[in-house]
Amino acid sequence: MKALKSGRISLDEKAVEVINQIFRALKEESSYLKVSPSKLVSQIVCCFEEKYFEREKKELLSRLFDKRGYIKHLLQTADSPEELVARVAELHGKRDKSSKKRSSKSSEKPQSHILEGNK
């Protein structure tokens, strides 16, 4: 993953729904808010980092783990077939445990969406 400099981020459909719900709820509370969906997402990300990141880090790592990339790395760095088999078996055992903890949500690919406040 490359570090983000500045710019646009694509959100999946679920994230767009949530941002729009939060945006509408805030606008209903006060019509004098000076907020755009981009500013709202920035505030949410900063709040998450301050309050929840350390607690949720393991879950994020599990959800975002690139199994194919890791296996490719194993293929390139394993010293022997036995080591490769052992490391893949270890990976498979770890992934089974973490996948049982998660609900059976399907992951959606990020798509570009126009948020309600940017129309």
PDB file of N, CA and C in Angstrom:
ATOM      1  N   MET A   1       0.838  -1.171   0.000  1.00  0.00           N
ATOM      2  CA  MET A   1       0.000   0.000   0.000  1.00  0.00           C
ATOM      3  C   MET A   1       0.884   1.235   0.000  1.00  0.00           C
ATOM      4  N   LYS A   2       0.550   2.169  -0.837  1.00  0.00           N
ATOM      5  CA  LYS A   2       1.276   3.438  -0.878  1.00  0.00           C
ATOM      6  C   LYS A   2       0.612   4.418   0.079  1.00  0.00           C
ATOM      7  N   ALA A   3       1.415   5.294   0.628  1.00  0.00           N
ATOM      8  CA  ALA A   3       0.877   6.319   1.531  1.00  0.00           C
ATOM      9  C   ALA A   3       0.036   7.309   0.729  1.00  0.00           C
ATOM     10  N   LEU A   4      -1.060   7.700   1.306  1.00  0.00           N
ATOM     11  CA  LEU A   4      -1.950   8.673   0.681  1.00  0.00           C
ATOM     12  C   LEU A   4      -1.381  10.059   0.895  1.00  0.00           C
ATOM     13  N   LYS A   5      -1.287  10.824  -0.167  1.00  0.00           N
ATOM     14  CA  LYS A   5      -0.810  12.204  -0.042  1.00  0.00           C
ATOM     15  C   LYS A   5      -2.002  13.096   0.244  1.00  0.00           C
ATOM     16  N   SER A   6      -2.800  13.333  -0.724  1.00  0.00           N
ATOM     17  CA  SER A   6      -4.002  14.110  -0.573  1.00  0.00           C
ATOM     18  C   SER A   6      -4.847  13.839  -1.800  1.00  0.00           C
ATOM     19  N   GLY A   7      -6.122  13.918  -1.649  1.00  0.00           N
ATOM     20  CA  GLY A   7      -6.948  13.712  -2.822  1.00  0.00           C
ATOM     21  C   GLY A   7      -8.176  12.898  -2.534  1.00  0.00           C
ATOM     22  N   ARG A   8      -8.681  12.281  -3.569  1.00  0.00           N
ATOM     23  CA  ARG A   8      -9.934  11.543  -3.488  1.00  0.00           C
ATOM     24  C   ARG A   8      -9.719  10.112  -3.010  1.00  0.00           C
ATOM     25  N   ILE A   9     -10.718   9.622  -2.333  1.00  0.00           N
ATOM     26  CA  ILE A   9     -10.731   8.234  -1.883  1.00  0.00           C
ATOM     27  C   ILE A   9     -12.058   7.640  -2.322  1.00  0.00           C
ATOM     28  N   SER A  10     -12.014   6.466  -2.917  1.00  0.00           N
ATOM     29  CA  SER A  10     -13.250   5.794  -3.315  1.00  0.00           C
ATOM     30  C   SER A  10     -13.825   5.048  -2.126  1.00  0.00           C
ATOM     31  N   LEU A  11     -15.120   5.144  -1.953  1.00  0.00           N
ATOM     32  CA  LEU A  11     -15.817   4.448  -0.883  1.00  0.00           C
ATOM     33  C   LEU A  11     -16.722   3.391  -1.497  1.00  0.00           C
ATOM     34  N   ASP A  12     -16.879   2.268  -0.802  1.00  0.00           N
ATOM     35  CA  ASP A  12     -17.831   1.281  -1.297  1.00  0.00           C
ATOM     36  C   ASP A  12     -19.254   1.765  -0.999  1.00  0.00           C
ATOM     37  N   GLU A  13     -20.235   1.074  -1.551  1.00  0.00           N
ATOM     38  CA  GLU A  13     -21.624   1.520  -1.438  1.00  0.00           C
ATOM     39  C   GLU A  13     -22.091   1.636   0.010  1.00  0.00           C
ATOM     40  N   LYS A  14     -21.710   0.690   0.845  1.00  0.00           N
ATOM     41  CA  LYS A  14     -22.111   0.709   2.253  1.00  0.00           C
ATOM     42  C   LYS A  14     -21.566   1.952   2.955  1.00  0.00           C
ATOM     43  N   ALA A  15     -20.292   2.271   2.702  1.00  0.00           N
ATOM     44  CA  ALA A  15     -19.683   3.451   3.327  1.00  0.00           C
ATOM     45  C   ALA A  15     -20.376   4.733   2.859  1.00  0.00           C
ATOM     46  N   VAL A  16     -20.735   4.791   1.591  1.00  0.00           N
ATOM     47  CA  VAL A  16     -21.432   5.970   1.078  1.00  0.00           C
ATOM     48  C   VAL A  16     -22.790   6.121   1.756  1.00  0.00           C
ATOM     49  N   GLU A  17     -23.493   5.001   1.922  1.00  0.00           N
ATOM     50  CA  GLU A  17     -24.785   5.041   2.625  1.00  0.00           C
ATOM     51  C   GLU A  17     -24.625   5.595   4.033  1.00  0.00           C
ATOM     52  N   VAL A  18     -23.631   5.086   4.748  1.00  0.00           N
ATOM     53  CA  VAL A  18     -23.407   5.498   6.132  1.00  0.00           C
ATOM     54  C   VAL A  18     -23.055   6.984   6.205  1.00  0.00           C
ATOM     55  N   ILE A  19     -22.168   7.434   5.340  1.00  0.00           N
ATOM     56  CA  ILE A  19     -21.792   8.851   5.337  1.00  0.00           C
ATOM     57  C   ILE A  19     -23.009   9.719   5.042  1.00  0.00           C
ATOM     58  N   ASN A  20     -23.829   9.314   4.080  1.00  0.00           N
ATOM     59  CA  ASN A  20     -25.025  10.094   3.757  1.00  0.00           C
ATOM     60  C   ASN A  20     -26.012  10.121   4.922  1.00  0.00           C
ATOM     61  N   GLN A  21     -26.148   9.007   5.659  1.00  0.00           N
ATOM     62  CA  GLN A  21     -27.026   8.971   6.832  1.00  0.00           C
ATOM     63  C   GLN A  21     -26.521   9.926   7.910  1.00  0.00           C
ATOM     64  N   ILE A  22     -25.229   9.883   8.167  1.00  0.00           N
ATOM     65  CA  ILE A  22     -24.641  10.773   9.174  1.00  0.00           C
ATOM     66  C   ILE A  22     -24.790  12.226   8.732  1.00  0.00           C
ATOM     67  N   PHE A  23     -24.520  12.488   7.461  1.00  0.00           N
ATOM     68  CA  PHE A  23     -24.632  13.843   6.908  1.00  0.00           C
ATOM     69  C   PHE A  23     -26.047  14.385   7.090  1.00  0.00           C
ATOM     70  N   ARG A  24     -27.059  13.570   6.744  1.00  0.00           N
ATOM     71  CA  ARG A  24     -28.456  13.995   6.893  1.00  0.00           C
ATOM     72  C   ARG A  24     -28.806  14.240   8.359  1.00  0.00           C
ATOM     73  N   ALA A  25     -28.352  13.342   9.242  1.00  0.00           N
ATOM     74  CA  ALA A  25     -28.652  13.484  10.672  1.00  0.00           C
ATOM     75  C   ALA A  25     -28.063  14.771  11.233  1.00  0.00           C
ATOM     76  N   LEU A  26     -26.840  15.102  10.829  1.00  0.00           N
ATOM     77  CA  LEU A  26     -26.220  16.343  11.301  1.00  0.00           C
ATOM     78  C   LEU A  26     -26.941  17.564  10.753  1.00  0.00           C
ATOM     79  N   LYS A  27     -27.344  17.502   9.492  1.00  0.00           N
ATOM     80  CA  LYS A  27     -28.064  18.634   8.888  1.00  0.00           C
ATOM     81  C   LYS A  27     -29.420  18.831   9.551  1.00  0.00           C
ATOM     82  N   GLU A  28     -30.063  17.742   9.978  1.00  0.00           N
ATOM     83  CA  GLU A  28     -31.342  17.851  10.687  1.00  0.00           C
ATOM     84  C   GLU A  28     -31.159  18.492  12.055  1.00  0.00           C
ATOM     85  N   GLU A  29     -30.039  18.217  12.709  1.00  0.00           N
ATOM     86  CA  GLU A  29     -29.747  18.798  14.023  1.00  0.00           C
ATOM     87  C   GLU A  29     -29.519  20.299  13.933  1.00  0.00           C
ATOM     88  N   SER A  30     -28.784  20.695  12.907  1.00  0.00           N
ATOM     89  CA  SER A  30     -28.455  22.115  12.779  1.00  0.00           C
ATOM     90  C   SER A  30     -28.309  22.467  11.303  1.00  0.00           C
ATOM     91  N   SER A  31     -29.086  23.420  10.867  1.00  0.00           N
ATOM     92  CA  SER A  31     -28.995  23.832   9.466  1.00  0.00           C
ATOM     93  C   SER A  31     -27.856  24.828   9.246  1.00  0.00           C
ATOM     94  N   TYR A  32     -27.183  25.206  10.312  1.00  0.00           N
ATOM     95  CA  TYR A  32     -26.098  26.172  10.203  1.00  0.00           C
ATOM     96  C   TYR A  32     -24.713  25.524  10.242  1.00  0.00           C
ATOM     97  N   LEU A  33     -24.649  24.267   9.849  1.00  0.00           N
ATOM     98  CA  LEU A  33     -23.356  23.594   9.798  1.00  0.00           C
ATOM     99  C   LEU A  33     -22.635  23.968   8.514  1.00  0.00           C
ATOM    100  N   LYS A  34     -21.355  24.141   8.630  1.00  0.00           N
ATOM    101  CA  LYS A  34     -20.523  24.356   7.453  1.00  0.00           C
ATOM    102  C   LYS A  34     -19.716  23.079   7.284  1.00  0.00           C
ATOM    103  N   VAL A  35     -20.310  22.123   6.586  1.00  0.00           N
ATOM    104  CA  VAL A  35     -19.677  20.816   6.438  1.00  0.00           C
ATOM    105  C   VAL A  35     -19.999  20.251   5.067  1.00  0.00           C
ATOM    106  N   SER A  36     -19.010  19.630   4.496  1.00  0.00           N
ATOM    107  CA  SER A  36     -19.195  18.896   3.252  1.00  0.00           C
ATOM    108  C   SER A  36     -18.968  17.422   3.580  1.00  0.00           C
ATOM    109  N   PRO A  37     -19.396  16.531   2.731  1.00  0.00           N
ATOM    110  CA  PRO A  37     -19.119  15.116   2.983  1.00  0.00           C
ATOM    111  C   PRO A  37     -17.621  14.834   3.138  1.00  0.00           C
ATOM    112  N   SER A  38     -16.780  15.534   2.393  1.00  0.00           N
ATOM    113  CA  SER A  38     -15.331  15.323   2.521  1.00  0.00           C
ATOM    114  C   SER A  38     -14.830  15.726   3.903  1.00  0.00           C
ATOM    115  N   LYS A  39     -15.293  16.882   4.397  1.00  0.00           N
ATOM    116  CA  LYS A  39     -14.899  17.313   5.739  1.00  0.00           C
ATOM    117  C   LYS A  39     -15.434  16.353   6.796  1.00  0.00           C
ATOM    118  N   LEU A  40     -16.645  15.862   6.586  1.00  0.00           N
ATOM    119  CA  LEU A  40     -17.243  14.919   7.521  1.00  0.00           C
ATOM    120  C   LEU A  40     -16.420  13.640   7.600  1.00  0.00           C
ATOM    121  N   VAL A  41     -16.053  13.099   6.445  1.00  0.00           N
ATOM    122  CA  VAL A  41     -15.241  11.870   6.422  1.00  0.00           C
ATOM    123  C   VAL A  41     -13.894  12.127   7.086  1.00  0.00           C
ATOM    124  N   SER A  42     -13.304  13.289   6.849  1.00  0.00           N
ATOM    125  CA  SER A  42     -12.029  13.619   7.504  1.00  0.00           C
ATOM    126  C   SER A  42     -12.170  13.618   9.024  1.00  0.00           C
ATOM    127  N   GLN A  43     -13.245  14.213   9.525  1.00  0.00           N
ATOM    128  CA  GLN A  43     -13.484  14.239  10.963  1.00  0.00           C
ATOM    129  C   GLN A  43     -13.689  12.831  11.523  1.00  0.00           C
ATOM    130  N   ILE A  44     -14.434  12.011  10.796  1.00  0.00           N
ATOM    131  CA  ILE A  44     -14.692  10.641  11.247  1.00  0.00           C
ATOM    132  C   ILE A  44     -13.394   9.845  11.299  1.00  0.00           C
ATOM    133  N   VAL A  45     -12.554   9.983  10.290  1.00  0.00           N
ATOM    134  CA  VAL A  45     -11.280   9.259  10.263  1.00  0.00           C
ATOM    135  C   VAL A  45     -10.395   9.690  11.428  1.00  0.00           C
ATOM    136  N   CYS A  46     -10.316  10.986  11.672  1.00  0.00           N
ATOM    137  CA  CYS A  46      -9.498  11.478  12.792  1.00  0.00           C
ATOM    138  C   CYS A  46     -10.039  10.992  14.136  1.00  0.00           C
ATOM    139  N   CYS A  47     -11.342  11.021  14.282  1.00  0.00           N
ATOM    140  CA  CYS A  47     -11.968  10.533  15.517  1.00  0.00           C
ATOM    141  C   CYS A  47     -11.700   9.035  15.704  1.00  0.00           C
ATOM    142  N   PHE A  48     -11.821   8.275  14.635  1.00  0.00           N
ATOM    143  CA  PHE A  48     -11.554   6.842  14.714  1.00  0.00           C
ATOM    144  C   PHE A  48     -10.114   6.582  15.153  1.00  0.00           C
ATOM    145  N   GLU A  49      -9.194   7.315  14.564  1.00  0.00           N
ATOM    146  CA  GLU A  49      -7.786   7.120  14.905  1.00  0.00           C
ATOM    147  C   GLU A  49      -7.531   7.437  16.376  1.00  0.00           C
ATOM    148  N   GLU A  50      -8.117   8.509  16.877  1.00  0.00           N
ATOM    149  CA  GLU A  50      -7.901   8.912  18.264  1.00  0.00           C
ATOM    150  C   GLU A  50      -8.503   7.936  19.265  1.00  0.00           C
ATOM    151  N   LYS A  51      -9.714   7.432  18.967  1.00  0.00           N
ATOM    152  CA  LYS A  51     -10.452   6.668  19.972  1.00  0.00           C
ATOM    153  C   LYS A  51     -10.454   5.156  19.762  1.00  0.00           C
ATOM    154  N   TYR A  52     -10.408   4.701  18.525  1.00  0.00           N
ATOM    155  CA  TYR A  52     -10.685   3.289  18.267  1.00  0.00           C
ATOM    156  C   TYR A  52      -9.595   2.513  17.539  1.00  0.00           C
ATOM    157  N   PHE A  53      -8.643   3.188  16.923  1.00  0.00           N
ATOM    158  CA  PHE A  53      -7.690   2.492  16.055  1.00  0.00           C
ATOM    159  C   PHE A  53      -6.942   1.365  16.764  1.00  0.00           C
ATOM    160  N   GLU A  54      -6.342   1.657  17.905  1.00  0.00           N
ATOM    161  CA  GLU A  54      -5.564   0.623  18.605  1.00  0.00           C
ATOM    162  C   GLU A  54      -6.434  -0.579  18.960  1.00  0.00           C
ATOM    163  N   ARG A  55      -7.655  -0.327  19.370  1.00  0.00           N
ATOM    164  CA  ARG A  55      -8.569  -1.403  19.752  1.00  0.00           C
ATOM    165  C   ARG A  55      -8.984  -2.234  18.541  1.00  0.00           C
ATOM    166  N   GLU A  56      -9.120  -1.616  17.379  1.00  0.00           N
ATOM    167  CA  GLU A  56      -9.612  -2.286  16.174  1.00  0.00           C
ATOM    168  C   GLU A  56      -8.512  -2.708  15.211  1.00  0.00           C
ATOM    169  N   LYS A  57      -7.258  -2.465  15.555  1.00  0.00           N
ATOM    170  CA  LYS A  57      -6.158  -2.724  14.631  1.00  0.00           C
ATOM    171  C   LYS A  57      -6.097  -4.176  14.166  1.00  0.00           C
ATOM    172  N   LYS A  58      -6.220  -5.120  15.077  1.00  0.00           N
ATOM    173  CA  LYS A  58      -6.146  -6.537  14.692  1.00  0.00           C
ATOM    174  C   LYS A  58      -7.252  -6.912  13.711  1.00  0.00           C
ATOM    175  N   GLU A  59      -8.442  -6.406  13.945  1.00  0.00           N
ATOM    176  CA  GLU A  59      -9.559  -6.689  13.036  1.00  0.00           C
ATOM    177  C   GLU A  59      -9.301  -6.089  11.654  1.00  0.00           C
ATOM    178  N   LEU A  60      -8.789  -4.872  11.616  1.00  0.00           N
ATOM    179  CA  LEU A  60      -8.453  -4.255  10.333  1.00  0.00           C
ATOM    180  C   LEU A  60      -7.384  -5.054   9.599  1.00  0.00           C
ATOM    181  N   LEU A  61      -6.352  -5.465  10.317  1.00  0.00           N
ATOM    182  CA  LEU A  61      -5.300  -6.267   9.694  1.00  0.00           C
ATOM    183  C   LEU A  61      -5.867  -7.561   9.121  1.00  0.00           C
ATOM    184  N   SER A  62      -6.756  -8.170   9.846  1.00  0.00           N
ATOM    185  CA  SER A  62      -7.365  -9.412   9.382  1.00  0.00           C
ATOM    186  C   SER A  62      -8.215  -9.188   8.136  1.00  0.00           C
ATOM    187  N   ARG A  63      -9.022  -8.152   8.145  1.00  0.00           N
ATOM    188  CA  ARG A  63      -9.907  -7.886   7.002  1.00  0.00           C
ATOM    189  C   ARG A  63      -9.149  -7.463   5.753  1.00  0.00           C
ATOM    190  N   LEU A  64      -8.022  -6.785   5.925  1.00  0.00           N
ATOM    191  CA  LEU A  64      -7.295  -6.223   4.791  1.00  0.00           C
ATOM    192  C   LEU A  64      -6.105  -7.070   4.357  1.00  0.00           C
ATOM    193  N   PHE A  65      -5.912  -8.224   4.974  1.00  0.00           N
ATOM    194  CA  PHE A  65      -4.777  -9.089   4.671  1.00  0.00           C
ATOM    195  C   PHE A  65      -4.821  -9.550   3.217  1.00  0.00           C
ATOM    196  N   ASP A  66      -3.699  -9.432   2.512  1.00  0.00           N
ATOM    197  CA  ASP A  66      -3.585  -9.838   1.110  1.00  0.00           C
ATOM    198  C   ASP A  66      -3.003 -11.248   1.044  1.00  0.00           C
ATOM    199  N   LYS A  67      -3.881 -12.233   1.064  1.00  0.00           N
ATOM    200  CA  LYS A  67      -3.454 -13.629   1.094  1.00  0.00           C
ATOM    201  C   LYS A  67      -2.656 -13.993  -0.158  1.00  0.00           C
ATOM    202  N   ARG A  68      -3.115 -13.556  -1.313  1.00  0.00           N
ATOM    203  CA  ARG A  68      -2.392 -13.875  -2.555  1.00  0.00           C
ATOM    204  C   ARG A  68      -0.995 -13.259  -2.555  1.00  0.00           C
ATOM    205  N   GLY A  69      -0.903 -12.012  -2.137  1.00  0.00           N
ATOM    206  CA  GLY A  69       0.400 -11.354  -2.085  1.00  0.00           C
ATOM    207  C   GLY A  69       1.338 -12.048  -1.116  1.00  0.00           C
ATOM    208  N   TYR A  70       0.783 -12.491   0.011  1.00  0.00           N
ATOM    209  CA  TYR A  70       1.604 -13.184   1.003  1.00  0.00           C
ATOM    210  C   TYR A  70       2.076 -14.529   0.465  1.00  0.00           C
ATOM    211  N   ILE A  71       1.198 -15.256  -0.203  1.00  0.00           N
ATOM    212  CA  ILE A  71       1.590 -16.552  -0.771  1.00  0.00           C
ATOM    213  C   ILE A  71       2.643 -16.356  -1.853  1.00  0.00           C
ATOM    214  N   LYS A  72       2.507 -15.316  -2.665  1.00  0.00           N
ATOM    215  CA  LYS A  72       3.520 -15.012  -3.678  1.00  0.00           C
ATOM    216  C   LYS A  72       4.863 -14.758  -3.006  1.00  0.00           C
ATOM    217  N   HIS A  73       4.837 -13.995  -1.912  1.00  0.00           N
ATOM    218  CA  HIS A  73       6.059 -13.738  -1.150  1.00  0.00           C
ATOM    219  C   HIS A  73       6.649 -15.050  -0.617  1.00  0.00           C
ATOM    220  N   LEU A  74       5.792 -15.932  -0.103  1.00  0.00           N
ATOM    221  CA  LEU A  74       6.269 -17.218   0.404  1.00  0.00           C
ATOM    222  C   LEU A  74       6.926 -18.030  -0.706  1.00  0.00           C
ATOM    223  N   LEU A  75       6.313 -18.031  -1.881  1.00  0.00           N
ATOM    224  CA  LEU A  75       6.879 -18.781  -3.006  1.00  0.00           C
ATOM    225  C   LEU A  75       8.266 -18.262  -3.371  1.00  0.00           C
ATOM    226  N   GLN A  76       8.466 -16.978  -3.264  1.00  0.00           N
ATOM    227  CA  GLN A  76       9.750 -16.386  -3.629  1.00  0.00           C
ATOM    228  C   GLN A  76      10.808 -16.551  -2.546  1.00  0.00           C
ATOM    229  N   THR A  77      10.408 -16.664  -1.288  1.00  0.00           N
ATOM    230  CA  THR A  77      11.389 -16.647  -0.200  1.00  0.00           C
ATOM    231  C   THR A  77      11.580 -17.976   0.518  1.00  0.00           C
ATOM    232  N   ALA A  78      10.710 -18.947   0.274  1.00  0.00           N
ATOM    233  CA  ALA A  78      10.844 -20.232   0.983  1.00  0.00           C
ATOM    234  C   ALA A  78      12.130 -20.931   0.558  1.00  0.00           C
ATOM    235  N   ASP A  79      12.836 -21.477   1.547  1.00  0.00           N
ATOM    236  CA  ASP A  79      14.097 -22.165   1.271  1.00  0.00           C
ATOM    237  C   ASP A  79      13.883 -23.594   0.792  1.00  0.00           C
ATOM    238  N   SER A  80      12.752 -24.180   1.138  1.00  0.00           N
ATOM    239  CA  SER A  80      12.497 -25.561   0.744  1.00  0.00           C
ATOM    240  C   SER A  80      10.993 -25.759   0.579  1.00  0.00           C
ATOM    241  N   PRO A  81      10.624 -26.814  -0.149  1.00  0.00           N
ATOM    242  CA  PRO A  81       9.188 -27.111  -0.284  1.00  0.00           C
ATOM    243  C   PRO A  81       8.525 -27.379   1.071  1.00  0.00           C
ATOM    244  N   GLU A  82       9.255 -28.007   1.984  1.00  0.00           N
ATOM    245  CA  GLU A  82       8.710 -28.307   3.304  1.00  0.00           C
ATOM    246  C   GLU A  82       8.395 -27.021   4.074  1.00  0.00           C
ATOM    247  N   GLU A  83       9.306 -26.063   3.974  1.00  0.00           N
ATOM    248  CA  GLU A  83       9.080 -24.782   4.646  1.00  0.00           C
ATOM    249  C   GLU A  83       7.852 -24.089   4.052  1.00  0.00           C
ATOM    250  N   LEU A  84       7.721 -24.137   2.740  1.00  0.00           N
ATOM    251  CA  LEU A  84       6.579 -23.520   2.078  1.00  0.00           C
ATOM    252  C   LEU A  84       5.277 -24.159   2.541  1.00  0.00           C
ATOM    253  N   VAL A  85       5.243 -25.492   2.577  1.00  0.00           N
ATOM    254  CA  VAL A  85       4.039 -26.203   3.015  1.00  0.00           C
ATOM    255  C   VAL A  85       3.711 -25.840   4.464  1.00  0.00           C
ATOM    256  N   ALA A  86       4.695 -25.793   5.313  1.00  0.00           N
ATOM    257  CA  ALA A  86       4.479 -25.471   6.728  1.00  0.00           C
ATOM    258  C   ALA A  86       3.942 -24.051   6.887  1.00  0.00           C
ATOM    259  N   ARG A  87       4.489 -23.099   6.149  1.00  0.00           N
ATOM    260  CA  ARG A  87       4.054 -21.709   6.276  1.00  0.00           C
ATOM    261  C   ARG A  87       2.647 -21.506   5.715  1.00  0.00           C
ATOM    262  N   VAL A  88       2.327 -22.208   4.617  1.00  0.00           N
ATOM    263  CA  VAL A  88       0.972 -22.119   4.063  1.00  0.00           C
ATOM    264  C   VAL A  88      -0.026 -22.755   5.023  1.00  0.00           C
ATOM    265  N   ALA A  89       0.343 -23.886   5.631  1.00  0.00           N
ATOM    266  CA  ALA A  89      -0.538 -24.533   6.605  1.00  0.00           C
ATOM    267  C   ALA A  89      -0.757 -23.624   7.812  1.00  0.00           C
ATOM    268  N   GLU A  90       0.292 -22.959   8.249  1.00  0.00           N
ATOM    269  CA  GLU A  90       0.179 -22.018   9.374  1.00  0.00           C
ATOM    270  C   GLU A  90      -0.753 -20.867   9.004  1.00  0.00           C
ATOM    271  N   LEU A  91      -0.588 -20.349   7.804  1.00  0.00           N
ATOM    272  CA  LEU A  91      -1.453 -19.271   7.321  1.00  0.00           C
ATOM    273  C   LEU A  91      -2.898 -19.739   7.261  1.00  0.00           C
ATOM    274  N   HIS A  92      -3.123 -20.919   6.738  1.00  0.00           N
ATOM    275  CA  HIS A  92      -4.481 -21.453   6.607  1.00  0.00           C
ATOM    276  C   HIS A  92      -5.135 -21.596   7.983  1.00  0.00           C
ATOM    277  N   GLY A  93      -4.388 -22.054   8.967  1.00  0.00           N
ATOM    278  CA  GLY A  93      -4.920 -22.193  10.325  1.00  0.00           C
ATOM    279  C   GLY A  93      -5.285 -20.854  10.925  1.00  0.00           C
ATOM    280  N   LYS A  94      -4.454 -19.844  10.737  1.00  0.00           N
ATOM    281  CA  LYS A  94      -4.732 -18.503  11.263  1.00  0.00           C
ATOM    282  C   LYS A  94      -5.948 -17.900  10.585  1.00  0.00           C
ATOM    283  N   ARG A  95      -6.050 -18.056   9.281  1.00  0.00           N
ATOM    284  CA  ARG A  95      -7.154 -17.462   8.533  1.00  0.00           C
ATOM    285  C   ARG A  95      -8.475 -18.140   8.896  1.00  0.00           C
ATOM    286  N   ASP A  96      -8.478 -19.439   9.127  1.00  0.00           N
ATOM    287  CA  ASP A  96      -9.713 -20.121   9.510  1.00  0.00           C
ATOM    288  C   ASP A  96     -10.243 -19.578  10.826  1.00  0.00           C
ATOM    289  N   LYS A  97      -9.356 -19.369  11.792  1.00  0.00           N
ATOM    290  CA  LYS A  97      -9.772 -18.850  13.091  1.00  0.00           C
ATOM    291  C   LYS A  97     -10.357 -17.455  12.970  1.00  0.00           C
ATOM    292  N   SER A  98      -9.719 -16.593  12.192  1.00  0.00           N
ATOM    293  CA  SER A  98     -10.213 -15.224  12.088  1.00  0.00           C
ATOM    294  C   SER A  98     -11.470 -15.139  11.242  1.00  0.00           C
ATOM    295  N   SER A  99     -11.628 -16.011  10.251  1.00  0.00           N
ATOM    296  CA  SER A  99     -12.827 -15.942   9.417  1.00  0.00           C
ATOM    297  C   SER A  99     -14.053 -16.423  10.169  1.00  0.00           C
ATOM    298  N   LYS A 100     -13.884 -17.292  11.152  1.00  0.00           N
ATOM    299  CA  LYS A 100     -15.017 -17.740  11.963  1.00  0.00           C
ATOM    300  C   LYS A 100     -15.525 -16.621  12.852  1.00  0.00           C
ATOM    301  N   LYS A 101     -14.622 -15.710  13.264  1.00  0.00           N
ATOM    302  CA  LYS A 101     -15.014 -14.608  14.129  1.00  0.00           C
ATOM    303  C   LYS A 101     -15.843 -13.579  13.373  1.00  0.00           C
ATOM    304  N   ARG A 102     -15.511 -13.402  12.102  1.00  0.00           N
ATOM    305  CA  ARG A 102     -16.203 -12.394  11.303  1.00  0.00           C
ATOM    306  C   ARG A 102     -17.539 -12.912  10.824  1.00  0.00           C
ATOM    307  N   SER A 103     -18.459 -12.004  10.599  1.00  0.00           N
ATOM    308  CA  SER A 103     -19.727 -12.385  10.007  1.00  0.00           C
ATOM    309  C   SER A 103     -19.507 -12.663   8.532  1.00  0.00           C
ATOM    310  N   SER A 104     -20.474 -13.251   7.897  1.00  0.00           N
ATOM    311  CA  SER A 104     -20.299 -13.651   6.509  1.00  0.00           C
ATOM    312  C   SER A 104     -20.649 -12.513   5.551  1.00  0.00           C
ATOM    313  N   LYS A 105     -20.046 -11.351   5.792  1.00  0.00           N
ATOM    314  CA  LYS A 105     -20.255 -10.201   4.922  1.00  0.00           C
ATOM    315  C   LYS A 105     -19.389 -10.379   3.680  1.00  0.00           C
ATOM    316  N   SER A 106     -19.952 -10.080   2.521  1.00  0.00           N
ATOM    317  CA  SER A 106     -19.136 -10.127   1.316  1.00  0.00           C
ATOM    318  C   SER A 106     -18.437  -8.788   1.168  1.00  0.00           C
ATOM    319  N   SER A 107     -17.186  -8.841   0.749  1.00  0.00           N
ATOM    320  CA  SER A 107     -16.456  -7.588   0.585  1.00  0.00           C
ATOM    321  C   SER A 107     -16.785  -7.004  -0.775  1.00  0.00           C
ATOM    322  N   GLU A 108     -17.058  -5.711  -0.760  1.00  0.00           N
ATOM    323  CA  GLU A 108     -17.393  -5.018  -1.993  1.00  0.00           C
ATOM    324  C   GLU A 108     -16.177  -4.265  -2.476  1.00  0.00           C
ATOM    325  N   LYS A 109     -16.007  -4.205  -3.785  1.00  0.00           N
ATOM    326  CA  LYS A 109     -14.909  -3.435  -4.336  1.00  0.00           C
ATOM    327  C   LYS A 109     -15.270  -1.959  -4.263  1.00  0.00           C
ATOM    328  N   PRO A 110     -14.281  -1.114  -3.951  1.00  0.00           N
ATOM    329  CA  PRO A 110     -14.569   0.315  -3.896  1.00  0.00           C
ATOM    330  C   PRO A 110     -15.052   0.826  -5.242  1.00  0.00           C
ATOM    331  N   GLN A 111     -16.008   1.707  -5.188  1.00  0.00           N
ATOM    332  CA  GLN A 111     -16.535   2.327  -6.386  1.00  0.00           C
ATOM    333  C   GLN A 111     -16.601   3.815  -6.137  1.00  0.00           C
ATOM    334  N   SER A 112     -16.537   4.574  -7.203  1.00  0.00           N
ATOM    335  CA  SER A 112     -16.666   6.015  -7.062  1.00  0.00           C
ATOM    336  C   SER A 112     -18.134   6.371  -6.960  1.00  0.00           C
ATOM    337  N   HIS A 113     -18.465   7.250  -6.053  1.00  0.00           N
ATOM    338  CA  HIS A 113     -19.836   7.688  -5.851  1.00  0.00           C
ATOM    339  C   HIS A 113     -19.843   9.183  -5.597  1.00  0.00           C
ATOM    340  N   ILE A 114     -20.913   9.816  -5.987  1.00  0.00           N
ATOM    341  CA  ILE A 114     -21.087  11.228  -5.661  1.00  0.00           C
ATOM    342  C   ILE A 114     -21.909  11.269  -4.383  1.00  0.00           C
ATOM    343  N   LEU A 115     -21.341  11.874  -3.350  1.00  0.00           N
ATOM    344  CA  LEU A 115     -22.047  11.988  -2.086  1.00  0.00           C
ATOM    345  C   LEU A 115     -23.104  13.078  -2.211  1.00  0.00           C
ATOM    346  N   GLU A 116     -24.135  12.969  -1.414  1.00  0.00           N
ATOM    347  CA  GLU A 116     -25.259  13.898  -1.510  1.00  0.00           C
ATOM    348  C   GLU A 116     -24.846  15.359  -1.412  1.00  0.00           C
ATOM    349  N   GLY A 117     -23.900  15.678  -0.573  1.00  0.00           N
ATOM    350  CA  GLY A 117     -23.502  17.064  -0.369  1.00  0.00           C
ATOM    351  C   GLY A 117     -22.695  17.651  -1.513  1.00  0.00           C
ATOM    352  N   ASN A 118     -22.226  16.814  -2.443  1.00  0.00           N
ATOM    353  CA  ASN A 118     -21.404  17.307  -3.545  1.00  0.00           C
ATOM    354  C   ASN A 118     -22.174  17.488  -4.825  1.00  0.00           C
ATOM    355  N   LYS A 119     -23.496  17.385  -4.808  1.00  0.00           N
ATOM    356  CA  LYS A 119     -24.290  17.501  -6.036  1.00  0.00           C
ATOM    357  C   LYS A 119     -24.376  18.933  -6.496  1.00  0.00           C
TER     358      LYS A 119
END
